[in-house]
Amino acid sequence: MKRAVTLKENYEFRRLYQKGVSAVDRCMVVYCRKNKLERNRYGFTVSVKLGHAVVRNRARRRMREVCRLNEDKLVTGYDIVLVARSRTVTASFEELTHAYLRLAKKLSLLKEEP
């Protein structure tokens, strides 16, 4: 993902946690909030409790890839943060994709199918 489409600053994450809406699955938590841009911006959070740097970076890369592959299925104009949970590390890629799409549907982020 390009730097322009990611959330990096702490205040952006805090604002999203406080004022955004969330949906929870056993693999991840998704927070979203409308932004005034014509594109989605993504942020990824992995706690130190999940493991060492290698484990955390692998979880972050897998979540980033799930978002990249399903980006065309989402409506635009949202800030989205994915928070990894302990099952993110052990779940298969298909499970992560299924969980992400289910949570996106729950938050009304999926485009309408014609």
N, C-alpha and C. Protein backbone atom coordinates (compact mmCIF):
# COMPACT_ATOMS: atom_id res chain seq x y z
N MET A 1 0.83 -1.18 0.00
CA MET A 1 0.00 0.00 0.00
C MET A 1 0.87 1.24 0.00
N LYS A 2 0.39 2.24 -0.65
CA LYS A 2 1.13 3.50 -0.68
C LYS A 2 0.97 4.23 0.65
N ARG A 3 1.94 5.06 0.97
CA ARG A 3 1.89 5.80 2.22
C ARG A 3 0.68 6.73 2.27
N ALA A 4 0.25 7.24 1.13
CA ALA A 4 -0.86 8.18 1.10
C ALA A 4 -2.18 7.54 1.52
N VAL A 5 -2.28 6.22 1.45
CA VAL A 5 -3.54 5.56 1.79
C VAL A 5 -3.48 4.86 3.14
N THR A 6 -2.47 5.16 3.96
CA THR A 6 -2.38 4.56 5.28
C THR A 6 -2.47 5.62 6.36
N LEU A 7 -2.99 5.22 7.49
CA LEU A 7 -3.03 6.09 8.66
C LEU A 7 -1.74 5.86 9.44
N LYS A 8 -1.06 6.93 9.81
CA LYS A 8 0.21 6.80 10.52
C LYS A 8 0.21 7.51 11.87
N GLU A 9 -0.51 8.60 11.96
CA GLU A 9 -0.43 9.44 13.15
C GLU A 9 -1.30 8.92 14.29
N ASN A 10 -0.81 9.06 15.50
CA ASN A 10 -1.51 8.58 16.69
C ASN A 10 -2.87 9.25 16.85
N TYR A 11 -2.96 10.55 16.56
CA TYR A 11 -4.23 11.25 16.74
C TYR A 11 -5.30 10.72 15.77
N GLU A 12 -4.88 10.25 14.58
CA GLU A 12 -5.85 9.68 13.64
C GLU A 12 -6.43 8.38 14.18
N PHE A 13 -5.59 7.55 14.77
CA PHE A 13 -6.06 6.31 15.37
C PHE A 13 -6.97 6.58 16.56
N ARG A 14 -6.56 7.49 17.43
CA ARG A 14 -7.36 7.81 18.62
C ARG A 14 -8.75 8.34 18.23
N ARG A 15 -8.79 9.23 17.23
CA ARG A 15 -10.06 9.79 16.78
C ARG A 15 -10.97 8.68 16.24
N LEU A 16 -10.38 7.76 15.52
CA LEU A 16 -11.15 6.65 14.96
C LEU A 16 -11.69 5.73 16.05
N TYR A 17 -10.87 5.45 17.06
CA TYR A 17 -11.32 4.60 18.16
C TYR A 17 -12.45 5.25 18.94
N GLN A 18 -12.38 6.57 19.13
CA GLN A 18 -13.37 7.27 19.94
C GLN A 18 -14.66 7.55 19.19
N LYS A 19 -14.56 7.98 17.93
CA LYS A 19 -15.74 8.46 17.21
C LYS A 19 -16.21 7.52 16.10
N GLY A 20 -15.45 6.48 15.82
CA GLY A 20 -15.83 5.56 14.77
C GLY A 20 -16.74 4.45 15.28
N VAL A 21 -17.20 3.64 14.34
CA VAL A 21 -17.99 2.46 14.71
C VAL A 21 -17.12 1.23 14.52
N SER A 22 -17.45 0.16 15.24
CA SER A 22 -16.60 -1.03 15.19
C SER A 22 -17.43 -2.28 15.02
N ALA A 23 -16.75 -3.31 14.54
CA ALA A 23 -17.33 -4.64 14.45
C ALA A 23 -16.24 -5.63 14.87
N VAL A 24 -16.65 -6.68 15.57
CA VAL A 24 -15.69 -7.60 16.19
C VAL A 24 -15.88 -9.01 15.64
N ASP A 25 -14.77 -9.66 15.40
CA ASP A 25 -14.74 -11.07 15.01
C ASP A 25 -13.66 -11.73 15.85
N ARG A 26 -13.58 -13.06 15.82
CA ARG A 26 -12.53 -13.69 16.62
C ARG A 26 -11.15 -13.49 16.03
N CYS A 27 -11.07 -13.12 14.75
CA CYS A 27 -9.77 -12.90 14.11
C CYS A 27 -9.31 -11.45 14.16
N MET A 28 -10.24 -10.51 14.13
CA MET A 28 -9.86 -9.10 14.07
C MET A 28 -11.01 -8.21 14.51
N VAL A 29 -10.67 -6.95 14.74
CA VAL A 29 -11.64 -5.90 15.02
C VAL A 29 -11.46 -4.85 13.95
N VAL A 30 -12.57 -4.35 13.40
CA VAL A 30 -12.51 -3.33 12.36
C VAL A 30 -13.22 -2.08 12.86
N TYR A 31 -12.53 -0.95 12.81
CA TYR A 31 -13.09 0.35 13.13
C TYR A 31 -13.18 1.13 11.83
N CYS A 32 -14.26 1.91 11.67
CA CYS A 32 -14.36 2.75 10.47
C CYS A 32 -15.04 4.07 10.81
N ARG A 33 -14.74 5.06 10.00
CA ARG A 33 -15.32 6.39 10.14
C ARG A 33 -15.18 7.10 8.81
N LYS A 34 -16.18 7.87 8.44
CA LYS A 34 -16.12 8.60 7.18
C LYS A 34 -15.00 9.63 7.22
N ASN A 35 -14.32 9.79 6.08
CA ASN A 35 -13.38 10.89 5.93
C ASN A 35 -13.87 11.76 4.78
N LYS A 36 -13.25 12.87 4.56
CA LYS A 36 -13.71 13.78 3.52
C LYS A 36 -12.89 13.64 2.24
N LEU A 37 -12.33 12.47 2.06
CA LEU A 37 -11.51 12.19 0.90
C LEU A 37 -12.27 11.26 -0.04
N GLU A 38 -11.75 11.09 -1.23
CA GLU A 38 -12.39 10.22 -2.22
C GLU A 38 -11.73 8.86 -2.27
N ARG A 39 -11.04 8.49 -1.20
CA ARG A 39 -10.38 7.19 -1.14
C ARG A 39 -10.42 6.70 0.31
N ASN A 40 -10.19 5.42 0.46
CA ASN A 40 -10.11 4.84 1.80
C ASN A 40 -8.68 4.92 2.30
N ARG A 41 -8.55 5.15 3.60
CA ARG A 41 -7.24 5.10 4.25
C ARG A 41 -7.27 3.98 5.27
N TYR A 42 -6.18 3.23 5.37
CA TYR A 42 -6.13 2.06 6.22
C TYR A 42 -5.08 2.22 7.31
N GLY A 43 -5.36 1.62 8.45
CA GLY A 43 -4.40 1.54 9.54
C GLY A 43 -4.43 0.13 10.10
N PHE A 44 -3.29 -0.33 10.61
CA PHE A 44 -3.19 -1.69 11.12
C PHE A 44 -2.53 -1.64 12.48
N THR A 45 -3.13 -2.34 13.44
CA THR A 45 -2.61 -2.36 14.80
C THR A 45 -2.44 -3.81 15.24
N VAL A 46 -1.24 -4.09 15.75
CA VAL A 46 -0.94 -5.42 16.29
C VAL A 46 -0.27 -5.22 17.64
N SER A 47 -0.84 -5.82 18.68
CA SER A 47 -0.34 -5.65 20.03
C SER A 47 0.95 -6.44 20.24
N VAL A 48 1.76 -5.96 21.16
CA VAL A 48 2.98 -6.65 21.54
C VAL A 48 2.65 -8.01 22.18
N LYS A 49 1.46 -8.14 22.72
CA LYS A 49 1.05 -9.38 23.37
C LYS A 49 0.96 -10.55 22.40
N LEU A 50 0.85 -10.28 21.11
CA LEU A 50 0.70 -11.36 20.13
C LEU A 50 2.00 -12.10 19.87
N GLY A 51 3.13 -11.48 20.14
CA GLY A 51 4.40 -12.16 19.92
C GLY A 51 5.50 -11.19 19.59
N HIS A 52 6.62 -11.76 19.17
CA HIS A 52 7.78 -10.95 18.83
C HIS A 52 7.55 -10.23 17.50
N ALA A 53 8.53 -9.43 17.10
CA ALA A 53 8.40 -8.58 15.93
C ALA A 53 8.08 -9.38 14.66
N VAL A 54 8.66 -10.56 14.52
CA VAL A 54 8.41 -11.37 13.33
C VAL A 54 6.95 -11.76 13.24
N VAL A 55 6.37 -12.16 14.35
CA VAL A 55 4.97 -12.57 14.39
C VAL A 55 4.06 -11.38 14.13
N ARG A 56 4.36 -10.25 14.77
CA ARG A 56 3.53 -9.06 14.58
C ARG A 56 3.59 -8.55 13.15
N ASN A 57 4.77 -8.53 12.57
CA ASN A 57 4.91 -8.07 11.19
C ASN A 57 4.21 -9.00 10.21
N ARG A 58 4.25 -10.30 10.46
CA ARG A 58 3.55 -11.26 9.60
C ARG A 58 2.05 -11.02 9.67
N ALA A 59 1.53 -10.81 10.87
CA ALA A 59 0.09 -10.54 11.03
C ALA A 59 -0.28 -9.25 10.30
N ARG A 60 0.55 -8.22 10.43
CA ARG A 60 0.29 -6.94 9.77
C ARG A 60 0.30 -7.10 8.24
N ARG A 61 1.28 -7.85 7.73
CA ARG A 61 1.36 -8.07 6.27
C ARG A 61 0.14 -8.83 5.76
N ARG A 62 -0.30 -9.83 6.51
CA ARG A 62 -1.46 -10.60 6.08
C ARG A 62 -2.72 -9.74 6.06
N MET A 63 -2.92 -8.91 7.08
CA MET A 63 -4.09 -8.03 7.10
C MET A 63 -4.01 -7.01 5.97
N ARG A 64 -2.82 -6.49 5.70
CA ARG A 64 -2.64 -5.53 4.62
C ARG A 64 -2.98 -6.16 3.27
N GLU A 65 -2.59 -7.41 3.07
CA GLU A 65 -2.88 -8.11 1.82
C GLU A 65 -4.37 -8.38 1.67
N VAL A 66 -5.05 -8.72 2.75
CA VAL A 66 -6.50 -8.92 2.70
C VAL A 66 -7.18 -7.62 2.26
N CYS A 67 -6.75 -6.50 2.80
CA CYS A 67 -7.33 -5.21 2.42
C CYS A 67 -7.04 -4.89 0.96
N ARG A 68 -5.81 -5.14 0.54
CA ARG A 68 -5.43 -4.82 -0.83
C ARG A 68 -6.23 -5.62 -1.85
N LEU A 69 -6.43 -6.90 -1.58
CA LEU A 69 -7.15 -7.76 -2.52
C LEU A 69 -8.65 -7.47 -2.57
N ASN A 70 -9.20 -6.92 -1.51
CA ASN A 70 -10.64 -6.67 -1.46
C ASN A 70 -10.99 -5.18 -1.51
N GLU A 71 -10.03 -4.36 -1.87
CA GLU A 71 -10.25 -2.91 -1.89
C GLU A 71 -11.33 -2.49 -2.87
N ASP A 72 -11.43 -3.18 -4.00
CA ASP A 72 -12.42 -2.81 -5.01
C ASP A 72 -13.85 -3.16 -4.60
N LYS A 73 -14.03 -3.96 -3.56
CA LYS A 73 -15.36 -4.35 -3.09
C LYS A 73 -15.95 -3.36 -2.09
N LEU A 74 -15.14 -2.40 -1.63
CA LEU A 74 -15.59 -1.47 -0.60
C LEU A 74 -15.97 -0.12 -1.20
N VAL A 75 -16.89 0.56 -0.54
CA VAL A 75 -17.20 1.93 -0.90
C VAL A 75 -16.03 2.82 -0.49
N THR A 76 -15.89 3.97 -1.10
CA THR A 76 -14.76 4.85 -0.80
C THR A 76 -15.17 5.95 0.17
N GLY A 77 -14.16 6.60 0.73
CA GLY A 77 -14.40 7.72 1.63
C GLY A 77 -14.41 7.36 3.11
N TYR A 78 -13.67 6.33 3.49
CA TYR A 78 -13.64 5.90 4.89
C TYR A 78 -12.20 5.74 5.38
N ASP A 79 -12.02 5.99 6.68
CA ASP A 79 -10.81 5.60 7.37
C ASP A 79 -11.12 4.27 8.05
N ILE A 80 -10.26 3.28 7.83
CA ILE A 80 -10.50 1.93 8.33
C ILE A 80 -9.27 1.47 9.11
N VAL A 81 -9.48 0.98 10.32
CA VAL A 81 -8.39 0.43 11.12
C VAL A 81 -8.71 -1.02 11.44
N LEU A 82 -7.74 -1.89 11.19
CA LEU A 82 -7.87 -3.31 11.53
C LEU A 82 -6.97 -3.59 12.72
N VAL A 83 -7.54 -4.19 13.75
CA VAL A 83 -6.80 -4.53 14.95
C VAL A 83 -6.71 -6.05 15.01
N ALA A 84 -5.49 -6.56 15.08
CA ALA A 84 -5.28 -8.01 15.11
C ALA A 84 -5.62 -8.55 16.49
N ARG A 85 -6.16 -9.76 16.49
CA ARG A 85 -6.41 -10.48 17.73
C ARG A 85 -5.56 -11.74 17.70
N SER A 86 -5.58 -12.50 18.77
CA SER A 86 -4.68 -13.65 18.86
C SER A 86 -4.92 -14.68 17.76
N ARG A 87 -6.14 -14.81 17.28
CA ARG A 87 -6.43 -15.77 16.21
C ARG A 87 -5.89 -15.31 14.85
N THR A 88 -5.55 -14.07 14.71
CA THR A 88 -5.00 -13.57 13.45
C THR A 88 -3.72 -14.31 13.10
N VAL A 89 -2.94 -14.63 14.09
CA VAL A 89 -1.65 -15.27 13.88
C VAL A 89 -1.81 -16.69 13.35
N THR A 90 -2.80 -17.42 13.85
CA THR A 90 -2.96 -18.83 13.48
C THR A 90 -3.99 -19.07 12.38
N ALA A 91 -4.82 -18.09 12.07
CA ALA A 91 -5.89 -18.28 11.09
C ALA A 91 -5.32 -18.39 9.68
N SER A 92 -6.03 -19.13 8.84
CA SER A 92 -5.63 -19.22 7.44
C SER A 92 -5.99 -17.93 6.73
N PHE A 93 -5.42 -17.76 5.55
CA PHE A 93 -5.68 -16.54 4.79
C PHE A 93 -7.16 -16.45 4.39
N GLU A 94 -7.76 -17.59 4.07
CA GLU A 94 -9.18 -17.62 3.71
C GLU A 94 -10.05 -17.19 4.89
N GLU A 95 -9.69 -17.63 6.09
CA GLU A 95 -10.44 -17.22 7.28
C GLU A 95 -10.36 -15.71 7.49
N LEU A 96 -9.16 -15.16 7.31
CA LEU A 96 -8.99 -13.71 7.47
C LEU A 96 -9.81 -12.95 6.45
N THR A 97 -9.79 -13.42 5.21
CA THR A 97 -10.55 -12.76 4.15
C THR A 97 -12.04 -12.82 4.45
N HIS A 98 -12.51 -13.98 4.85
CA HIS A 98 -13.93 -14.16 5.16
C HIS A 98 -14.34 -13.26 6.34
N ALA A 99 -13.51 -13.21 7.36
CA ALA A 99 -13.81 -12.37 8.53
C ALA A 99 -13.84 -10.90 8.15
N TYR A 100 -12.88 -10.47 7.33
CA TYR A 100 -12.82 -9.06 6.92
C TYR A 100 -14.06 -8.67 6.12
N LEU A 101 -14.45 -9.51 5.16
CA LEU A 101 -15.62 -9.19 4.34
C LEU A 101 -16.90 -9.22 5.17
N ARG A 102 -17.00 -10.14 6.13
CA ARG A 102 -18.18 -10.19 7.00
C ARG A 102 -18.27 -8.92 7.85
N LEU A 103 -17.14 -8.47 8.38
CA LEU A 103 -17.15 -7.26 9.21
C LEU A 103 -17.43 -6.03 8.35
N ALA A 104 -16.90 -6.00 7.13
CA ALA A 104 -17.17 -4.88 6.23
C ALA A 104 -18.66 -4.81 5.89
N LYS A 105 -19.26 -5.96 5.69
CA LYS A 105 -20.71 -5.99 5.40
C LYS A 105 -21.49 -5.50 6.61
N LYS A 106 -21.06 -5.91 7.79
CA LYS A 106 -21.72 -5.51 9.03
C LYS A 106 -21.66 -3.98 9.22
N LEU A 107 -20.56 -3.37 8.78
CA LEU A 107 -20.38 -1.92 8.91
C LEU A 107 -20.89 -1.15 7.69
N SER A 108 -21.54 -1.84 6.76
CA SER A 108 -22.08 -1.24 5.52
C SER A 108 -20.98 -0.64 4.66
N LEU A 109 -19.84 -1.30 4.58
CA LEU A 109 -18.73 -0.82 3.76
C LEU A 109 -18.70 -1.49 2.39
N LEU A 110 -19.43 -2.58 2.21
CA LEU A 110 -19.41 -3.27 0.93
C LEU A 110 -20.27 -2.54 -0.08
N LYS A 111 -19.82 -2.54 -1.33
CA LYS A 111 -20.62 -1.95 -2.42
C LYS A 111 -21.86 -2.80 -2.65
N GLU A 112 -22.89 -2.15 -3.14
CA GLU A 112 -24.13 -2.86 -3.46
C GLU A 112 -23.92 -3.69 -4.73
N GLU A 113 -24.35 -4.93 -4.68
CA GLU A 113 -24.26 -5.81 -5.86
C GLU A 113 -25.45 -5.51 -6.78
N PRO A 114 -25.21 -5.33 -8.08
CA PRO A 114 -26.34 -5.05 -8.99
C PRO A 114 -27.18 -6.28 -9.26
